[in-house]
PDB file of all heavy atoms in Angstrom:
ATOM      1  N   ASP A   1      -2.293 -64.415 -47.687  1.00  0.00           N
ATOM      2  CA  ASP A   1      -1.079 -64.743 -48.415  1.00  0.00           C
ATOM      3  C   ASP A   1      -0.769 -66.222 -48.241  1.00  0.00           C
ATOM      4  O   ASP A   1      -1.535 -66.967 -47.629  1.00  0.00           O
ATOM      5  CB  ASP A   1       0.090 -63.830 -48.021  1.00  0.00           C
ATOM      6  CG  ASP A   1       0.552 -64.044 -46.579  1.00  0.00           C
ATOM      7  OD1 ASP A   1       0.200 -65.064 -45.954  1.00  0.00           O
ATOM      8  OD2 ASP A   1       1.300 -63.180 -46.099  1.00  0.00           O
ATOM      9  N   VAL A   2       0.354 -66.668 -48.777  1.00  0.00           N
ATOM     10  CA  VAL A   2       0.734 -68.075 -48.752  1.00  0.00           C
ATOM     11  C   VAL A   2       0.794 -68.628 -47.335  1.00  0.00           C
ATOM     12  O   VAL A   2       0.413 -69.771 -47.076  1.00  0.00           O
ATOM     13  CB  VAL A   2       2.094 -68.280 -49.475  1.00  0.00           C
ATOM     14  CG1 VAL A   2       2.519 -69.731 -49.424  1.00  0.00           C
ATOM     15  CG2 VAL A   2       1.981 -67.814 -50.915  1.00  0.00           C
ATOM     16  N   GLY A   3       1.196 -67.834 -46.379  1.00  0.00           N
ATOM     17  CA  GLY A   3       1.287 -68.261 -44.975  1.00  0.00           C
ATOM     18  C   GLY A   3       0.002 -68.045 -44.205  1.00  0.00           C
ATOM     19  O   GLY A   3      -0.001 -68.091 -42.981  1.00  0.00           O
ATOM     20  N   ALA A   4      -1.119 -67.806 -44.886  1.00  0.00           N
ATOM     21  CA  ALA A   4      -2.428 -67.573 -44.287  1.00  0.00           C
ATOM     22  C   ALA A   4      -2.438 -66.307 -43.418  1.00  0.00           C
ATOM     23  O   ALA A   4      -3.207 -66.207 -42.473  1.00  0.00           O
ATOM     24  CB  ALA A   4      -2.911 -68.788 -43.506  1.00  0.00           C
ATOM     25  N   GLN A   5      -1.590 -65.346 -43.768  1.00  0.00           N
ATOM     26  CA  GLN A   5      -1.578 -64.048 -43.108  1.00  0.00           C
ATOM     27  C   GLN A   5      -2.365 -63.062 -43.952  1.00  0.00           C
ATOM     28  O   GLN A   5      -2.418 -63.197 -45.185  1.00  0.00           O
ATOM     29  CB  GLN A   5      -0.133 -63.558 -42.932  1.00  0.00           C
ATOM     30  CG  GLN A   5       0.717 -64.448 -42.047  1.00  0.00           C
ATOM     31  CD  GLN A   5       0.203 -64.521 -40.623  1.00  0.00           C
ATOM     32  OE1 GLN A   5      -0.083 -63.520 -40.008  1.00  0.00           O
ATOM     33  NE2 GLN A   5       0.064 -65.742 -40.122  1.00  0.00           N
ATOM     34  N   LEU A   6      -2.937 -62.055 -43.295  1.00  0.00           N
ATOM     35  CA  LEU A   6      -3.705 -61.047 -44.014  1.00  0.00           C
ATOM     36  C   LEU A   6      -2.781 -60.188 -44.876  1.00  0.00           C
ATOM     37  O   LEU A   6      -1.822 -59.604 -44.388  1.00  0.00           O
ATOM     38  CB  LEU A   6      -4.460 -60.175 -43.006  1.00  0.00           C
ATOM     39  CG  LEU A   6      -5.498 -59.220 -43.568  1.00  0.00           C
ATOM     40  CD1 LEU A   6      -6.612 -59.985 -44.300  1.00  0.00           C
ATOM     41  CD2 LEU A   6      -6.099 -58.379 -42.452  1.00  0.00           C
ATOM     42  N   ASP A   7      -3.058 -60.166 -46.168  1.00  0.00           N
ATOM     43  CA  ASP A   7      -2.316 -59.348 -47.126  1.00  0.00           C
ATOM     44  C   ASP A   7      -3.226 -58.225 -47.543  1.00  0.00           C
ATOM     45  O   ASP A   7      -4.360 -58.469 -47.990  1.00  0.00           O
ATOM     46  CB  ASP A   7      -1.913 -60.204 -48.337  1.00  0.00           C
ATOM     47  CG  ASP A   7      -1.205 -59.388 -49.400  1.00  0.00           C
ATOM     48  OD1 ASP A   7      -0.249 -58.676 -49.055  1.00  0.00           O
ATOM     49  OD2 ASP A   7      -1.627 -59.458 -50.574  1.00  0.00           O
ATOM     50  N   ILE A   8      -2.784 -56.977 -47.377  1.00  0.00           N
ATOM     51  CA  ILE A   8      -3.622 -55.811 -47.649  1.00  0.00           C
ATOM     52  C   ILE A   8      -2.980 -54.931 -48.697  1.00  0.00           C
ATOM     53  O   ILE A   8      -1.811 -54.578 -48.581  1.00  0.00           O
ATOM     54  CB  ILE A   8      -3.849 -54.997 -46.359  1.00  0.00           C
ATOM     55  CG1 ILE A   8      -4.506 -55.861 -45.281  1.00  0.00           C
ATOM     56  CG2 ILE A   8      -4.693 -53.751 -46.641  1.00  0.00           C
ATOM     57  CD1 ILE A   8      -4.525 -55.254 -43.916  1.00  0.00           C
ATOM     58  N   GLU A   9      -3.774 -54.576 -49.702  1.00  0.00           N
ATOM     59  CA  GLU A   9      -3.323 -53.666 -50.751  1.00  0.00           C
ATOM     60  C   GLU A   9      -4.299 -52.498 -50.779  1.00  0.00           C
ATOM     61  O   GLU A   9      -5.510 -52.692 -50.870  1.00  0.00           O
ATOM     62  CB  GLU A   9      -3.333 -54.387 -52.101  1.00  0.00           C
ATOM     63  CG  GLU A   9      -3.103 -53.495 -53.287  1.00  0.00           C
ATOM     64  CD  GLU A   9      -3.406 -54.193 -54.610  1.00  0.00           C
ATOM     65  OE1 GLU A   9      -3.728 -55.395 -54.619  1.00  0.00           O
ATOM     66  OE2 GLU A   9      -3.316 -53.503 -55.632  1.00  0.00           O
ATOM     67  N   PHE A  10      -3.793 -51.287 -50.696  1.00  0.00           N
ATOM     68  CA  PHE A  10      -4.653 -50.106 -50.756  1.00  0.00           C
ATOM     69  C   PHE A  10      -4.823 -49.660 -52.208  1.00  0.00           C
ATOM     70  O   PHE A  10      -3.844 -49.514 -52.937  1.00  0.00           O
ATOM     71  CB  PHE A  10      -4.065 -48.955 -49.926  1.00  0.00           C
ATOM     72  CG  PHE A  10      -4.924 -47.721 -49.947  1.00  0.00           C
ATOM     73  CD1 PHE A  10      -6.058 -47.645 -49.162  1.00  0.00           C
ATOM     74  CD2 PHE A  10      -4.608 -46.648 -50.759  1.00  0.00           C
ATOM     75  CE1 PHE A  10      -6.877 -46.503 -49.183  1.00  0.00           C
ATOM     76  CE2 PHE A  10      -5.401 -45.505 -50.787  1.00  0.00           C
ATOM     77  CZ  PHE A  10      -6.541 -45.442 -50.001  1.00  0.00           C
ATOM     78  N   VAL A  11      -6.075 -49.441 -52.601  1.00  0.00           N
ATOM     79  CA  VAL A  11      -6.381 -48.912 -53.930  1.00  0.00           C
ATOM     80  C   VAL A  11      -7.013 -47.537 -53.710  1.00  0.00           C
ATOM     81  O   VAL A  11      -8.054 -47.413 -53.068  1.00  0.00           O
ATOM     82  CB  VAL A  11      -7.354 -49.840 -54.697  1.00  0.00           C
ATOM     83  CG1 VAL A  11      -7.695 -49.242 -56.051  1.00  0.00           C
ATOM     84  CG2 VAL A  11      -6.762 -51.230 -54.851  1.00  0.00           C
ATOM     85  N   GLY A  12      -6.345 -46.498 -54.224  1.00  0.00           N
ATOM     86  CA  GLY A  12      -6.809 -45.139 -54.048  1.00  0.00           C
ATOM     87  C   GLY A  12      -7.855 -44.736 -55.059  1.00  0.00           C
ATOM     88  O   GLY A  12      -8.203 -45.501 -55.971  1.00  0.00           O
ATOM     89  N   GLN A  13      -8.353 -43.509 -54.942  1.00  0.00           N
ATOM     90  CA  GLN A  13      -9.455 -43.014 -55.754  1.00  0.00           C
ATOM     91  C   GLN A  13      -9.184 -43.101 -57.247  1.00  0.00           C
ATOM     92  O   GLN A  13     -10.109 -43.298 -58.031  1.00  0.00           O
ATOM     93  CB  GLN A  13      -9.776 -41.578 -55.377  1.00  0.00           C
ATOM     94  CG  GLN A  13     -10.962 -41.028 -56.167  1.00  0.00           C
ATOM     95  CD  GLN A  13     -11.361 -39.638 -55.736  1.00  0.00           C
ATOM     96  OE1 GLN A  13     -10.920 -39.134 -54.735  1.00  0.00           O
ATOM     97  NE2 GLN A  13     -12.207 -39.017 -56.525  1.00  0.00           N
ATOM     98  N   ASP A  14      -7.933 -43.009 -57.653  1.00  0.00           N
ATOM     99  CA  ASP A  14      -7.646 -43.081 -59.088  1.00  0.00           C
ATOM    100  C   ASP A  14      -7.383 -44.519 -59.545  1.00  0.00           C
ATOM    101  O   ASP A  14      -7.085 -44.761 -60.715  1.00  0.00           O
ATOM    102  CB  ASP A  14      -6.441 -42.212 -59.447  1.00  0.00           C
ATOM    103  CG  ASP A  14      -5.186 -42.583 -58.671  1.00  0.00           C
ATOM    104  OD1 ASP A  14      -5.319 -43.317 -57.664  1.00  0.00           O
ATOM    105  OD2 ASP A  14      -4.084 -42.166 -59.072  1.00  0.00           O
ATOM    106  N   GLY A  15      -7.554 -45.482 -58.655  1.00  0.00           N
ATOM    107  CA  GLY A  15      -7.299 -46.879 -58.987  1.00  0.00           C
ATOM    108  C   GLY A  15      -8.551 -47.629 -59.433  1.00  0.00           C
ATOM    109  O   GLY A  15      -9.639 -47.072 -59.561  1.00  0.00           O
ATOM    110  N   VAL A  16      -8.363 -48.918 -59.696  1.00  0.00           N
ATOM    111  CA  VAL A  16      -9.428 -49.787 -60.182  1.00  0.00           C
ATOM    112  C   VAL A  16      -9.499 -51.022 -59.304  1.00  0.00           C
ATOM    113  O   VAL A  16      -8.486 -51.667 -59.048  1.00  0.00           O
ATOM    114  CB  VAL A  16      -9.155 -50.201 -61.654  1.00  0.00           C
ATOM    115  CG1 VAL A  16     -10.203 -51.182 -62.149  1.00  0.00           C
ATOM    116  CG2 VAL A  16      -9.103 -48.966 -62.545  1.00  0.00           C
ATOM    117  N   LEU A  17     -10.718 -51.353 -58.854  1.00  0.00           N
ATOM    118  CA  LEU A  17     -10.938 -52.610 -58.128  1.00  0.00           C
ATOM    119  C   LEU A  17     -11.132 -53.714 -59.156  1.00  0.00           C
ATOM    120  O   LEU A  17     -11.837 -53.537 -60.145  1.00  0.00           O
ATOM    121  CB  LEU A  17     -12.196 -52.532 -57.263  1.00  0.00           C
ATOM    122  CG  LEU A  17     -12.094 -51.841 -55.929  1.00  0.00           C
ATOM    123  CD1 LEU A  17     -13.463 -51.864 -55.236  1.00  0.00           C
ATOM    124  CD2 LEU A  17     -11.037 -52.470 -55.050  1.00  0.00           C
ATOM    125  N   SER A  18     -10.531 -54.859 -58.892  1.00  0.00           N
ATOM    126  CA  SER A  18     -10.662 -56.016 -59.765  1.00  0.00           C
ATOM    127  C   SER A  18     -11.362 -57.146 -59.025  1.00  0.00           C
ATOM    128  O   SER A  18     -11.105 -57.370 -57.837  1.00  0.00           O
ATOM    129  CB  SER A  18      -9.270 -56.488 -60.213  1.00  0.00           C
ATOM    130  OG  SER A  18      -9.354 -57.763 -60.808  1.00  0.00           O
ATOM    131  N   GLY A  19     -12.214 -57.851 -59.744  1.00  0.00           N
ATOM    132  CA  GLY A  19     -12.852 -59.022 -59.177  1.00  0.00           C
ATOM    133  C   GLY A  19     -11.924 -60.220 -59.087  1.00  0.00           C
ATOM    134  O   GLY A  19     -12.297 -61.257 -58.542  1.00  0.00           O
ATOM    135  N   GLU A  20     -10.726 -60.091 -59.673  1.00  0.00           N
ATOM    136  CA  GLU A  20      -9.703 -61.140 -59.652  1.00  0.00           C
ATOM    137  C   GLU A  20     -10.304 -62.471 -60.091  1.00  0.00           C
ATOM    138  O   GLU A  20     -11.116 -62.516 -61.002  1.00  0.00           O
ATOM    139  CB  GLU A  20      -9.036 -61.195 -58.278  1.00  0.00           C
ATOM    140  CG  GLU A  20      -8.390 -59.866 -57.896  1.00  0.00           C
ATOM    141  CD  GLU A  20      -7.726 -59.850 -56.544  1.00  0.00           C
ATOM    142  OE1 GLU A  20      -7.559 -60.908 -55.915  1.00  0.00           O
ATOM    143  OE2 GLU A  20      -7.347 -58.752 -56.112  1.00  0.00           O
ATOM    144  N   ASP A  21      -9.944 -63.558 -59.434  1.00  0.00           N
ATOM    145  CA  ASP A  21     -10.470 -64.877 -59.786  1.00  0.00           C
ATOM    146  C   ASP A  21     -11.897 -65.095 -59.255  1.00  0.00           C
ATOM    147  O   ASP A  21     -12.578 -66.023 -59.686  1.00  0.00           O
ATOM    148  CB  ASP A  21      -9.576 -65.990 -59.220  1.00  0.00           C
ATOM    149  CG  ASP A  21      -8.211 -66.023 -59.868  1.00  0.00           C
ATOM    150  OD1 ASP A  21      -8.074 -65.478 -60.992  1.00  0.00           O
ATOM    151  OD2 ASP A  21      -7.281 -66.569 -59.266  1.00  0.00           O
ATOM    152  N   VAL A  22     -12.312 -64.240 -58.332  1.00  0.00           N
ATOM    153  CA  VAL A  22     -13.630 -64.388 -57.718  1.00  0.00           C
ATOM    154  C   VAL A  22     -14.738 -63.949 -58.688  1.00  0.00           C
ATOM    155  O   VAL A  22     -15.753 -64.610 -58.831  1.00  0.00           O
ATOM    156  CB  VAL A  22     -13.694 -63.550 -56.406  1.00  0.00           C
ATOM    157  CG1 VAL A  22     -15.071 -63.632 -55.774  1.00  0.00           C
ATOM    158  CG2 VAL A  22     -12.630 -64.018 -55.430  1.00  0.00           C
ATOM    159  N   LEU A  23     -14.531 -62.806 -59.328  1.00  0.00           N
ATOM    160  CA  LEU A  23     -15.460 -62.281 -60.320  1.00  0.00           C
ATOM    161  C   LEU A  23     -14.656 -61.938 -61.577  1.00  0.00           C
ATOM    162  O   LEU A  23     -14.354 -60.771 -61.842  1.00  0.00           O
ATOM    163  CB  LEU A  23     -16.131 -61.006 -59.799  1.00  0.00           C
ATOM    164  CG  LEU A  23     -17.242 -61.170 -58.775  1.00  0.00           C
ATOM    165  CD1 LEU A  23     -17.588 -59.842 -58.137  1.00  0.00           C
ATOM    166  CD2 LEU A  23     -18.463 -61.793 -59.432  1.00  0.00           C
ATOM    167  N   PRO A  24     -14.257 -62.932 -62.343  1.00  0.00           N
ATOM    168  CA  PRO A  24     -13.412 -62.681 -63.513  1.00  0.00           C
ATOM    169  C   PRO A  24     -14.027 -61.656 -64.461  1.00  0.00           C
ATOM    170  O   PRO A  24     -15.209 -61.766 -64.830  1.00  0.00           O
ATOM    171  CB  PRO A  24     -13.311 -64.055 -64.188  1.00  0.00           C
ATOM    172  CG  PRO A  24     -13.689 -65.044 -63.138  1.00  0.00           C
ATOM    173  CD  PRO A  24     -14.637 -64.342 -62.219  1.00  0.00           C
ATOM    174  N   GLY A  25     -13.265 -60.643 -64.786  1.00  0.00           N
ATOM    175  CA  GLY A  25     -13.719 -59.612 -65.696  1.00  0.00           C
ATOM    176  C   GLY A  25     -14.339 -58.403 -65.026  1.00  0.00           C
ATOM    177  O   GLY A  25     -14.541 -57.376 -65.664  1.00  0.00           O
ATOM    178  N   PHE A  26     -14.638 -58.502 -63.753  1.00  0.00           N
ATOM    179  CA  PHE A  26     -15.225 -57.353 -63.054  1.00  0.00           C
ATOM    180  C   PHE A  26     -14.140 -56.335 -62.746  1.00  0.00           C
ATOM    181  O   PHE A  26     -13.115 -56.656 -62.157  1.00  0.00           O
ATOM    182  CB  PHE A  26     -15.898 -57.781 -61.740  1.00  0.00           C
ATOM    183  CG  PHE A  26     -16.486 -56.624 -60.972  1.00  0.00           C
ATOM    184  CD1 PHE A  26     -17.754 -56.164 -61.279  1.00  0.00           C
ATOM    185  CD2 PHE A  26     -15.777 -56.000 -59.955  1.00  0.00           C
ATOM    186  CE1 PHE A  26     -18.316 -55.101 -60.563  1.00  0.00           C
ATOM    187  CE2 PHE A  26     -16.326 -54.950 -59.253  1.00  0.00           C
ATOM    188  CZ  PHE A  26     -17.596 -54.490 -59.547  1.00  0.00           C
ATOM    189  N   GLU A  27     -14.381 -55.096 -63.145  1.00  0.00           N
ATOM    190  CA  GLU A  27     -13.492 -53.994 -62.818  1.00  0.00           C
ATOM    191  C   GLU A  27     -14.351 -52.787 -62.484  1.00  0.00           C
ATOM    192  O   GLU A  27     -15.362 -52.534 -63.130  1.00  0.00           O
ATOM    193  CB  GLU A  27     -12.552 -53.662 -63.984  1.00  0.00           C
ATOM    194  CG  GLU A  27     -11.499 -54.715 -64.210  1.00  0.00           C
ATOM    195  CD  GLU A  27     -10.423 -54.266 -65.207  1.00  0.00           C
ATOM    196  OE1 GLU A  27     -10.654 -53.253 -65.909  1.00  0.00           O
ATOM    197  OE2 GLU A  27      -9.391 -54.924 -65.254  1.00  0.00           O
ATOM    198  N   LEU A  28     -13.903 -52.042 -61.462  1.00  0.00           N
ATOM    199  CA  LEU A  28     -14.630 -50.847 -61.045  1.00  0.00           C
ATOM    200  C   LEU A  28     -13.632 -49.743 -60.776  1.00  0.00           C
ATOM    201  O   LEU A  28     -12.844 -49.826 -59.820  1.00  0.00           O
ATOM    202  CB  LEU A  28     -15.475 -51.129 -59.792  1.00  0.00           C
ATOM    203  CG  LEU A  28     -16.199 -49.926 -59.183  1.00  0.00           C
ATOM    204  CD1 LEU A  28     -17.161 -49.299 -60.178  1.00  0.00           C
ATOM    205  CD2 LEU A  28     -16.915 -50.355 -57.906  1.00  0.00           C
ATOM    206  N   ALA A  29     -13.653 -48.715 -61.602  1.00  0.00           N
ATOM    207  CA  ALA A  29     -12.835 -47.540 -61.378  1.00  0.00           C
ATOM    208  C   ALA A  29     -13.394 -46.817 -60.158  1.00  0.00           C
ATOM    209  O   ALA A  29     -14.593 -46.549 -60.095  1.00  0.00           O
ATOM    210  CB  ALA A  29     -12.855 -46.629 -62.600  1.00  0.00           C
ATOM    211  N   LEU A  30     -12.542 -46.540 -59.210  1.00  0.00           N
ATOM    212  CA  LEU A  30     -13.030 -45.938 -57.970  1.00  0.00           C
ATOM    213  C   LEU A  30     -13.567 -44.518 -58.182  1.00  0.00           C
ATOM    214  O   LEU A  30     -14.316 -44.024 -57.349  1.00  0.00           O
ATOM    215  CB  LEU A  30     -11.956 -45.961 -56.888  1.00  0.00           C
ATOM    216  CG  LEU A  30     -11.655 -47.362 -56.333  1.00  0.00           C
ATOM    217  CD1 LEU A  30     -10.757 -47.280 -55.110  1.00  0.00           C
ATOM    218  CD2 LEU A  30     -12.915 -48.137 -56.006  1.00  0.00           C
ATOM    219  N   THR A  31     -13.227 -43.890 -59.280  1.00  0.00           N
ATOM    220  CA  THR A  31     -13.825 -42.582 -59.583  1.00  0.00           C
ATOM    221  C   THR A  31     -15.346 -42.727 -59.815  1.00  0.00           C
ATOM    222  O   THR A  31     -16.077 -41.752 -59.654  1.00  0.00           O
ATOM    223  CB  THR A  31     -13.184 -41.936 -60.816  1.00  0.00           C
ATOM    224  OG1 THR A  31     -13.243 -42.849 -61.910  1.00  0.00           O
ATOM    225  CG2 THR A  31     -11.745 -41.541 -60.545  1.00  0.00           C
ATOM    226  N   LYS A  32     -15.816 -43.920 -60.134  1.00  0.00           N
ATOM    227  CA  LYS A  32     -17.259 -44.156 -60.281  1.00  0.00           C
ATOM    228  C   LYS A  32     -17.920 -44.390 -58.922  1.00  0.00           C
ATOM    229  O   LYS A  32     -19.145 -44.282 -58.818  1.00  0.00           O
ATOM    230  CB  LYS A  32     -17.514 -45.381 -61.167  1.00  0.00           C
ATOM    231  CG  LYS A  32     -17.164 -45.177 -62.617  1.00  0.00           C
ATOM    232  CD  LYS A  32     -17.514 -46.411 -63.401  1.00  0.00           C
ATOM    233  CE  LYS A  32     -17.236 -46.221 -64.876  1.00  0.00           C
ATOM    234  NZ  LYS A  32     -17.561 -47.432 -65.644  1.00  0.00           N
TER     235      LYS A  32
END
């Protein structure tokens, strides 16, 4: 995060992983 602290977001089985700015356009539905 802005203060260089670890920011954690949980994405469950029905969610989607995003490549964000690292891999623009990459998305992976966790059901896959």
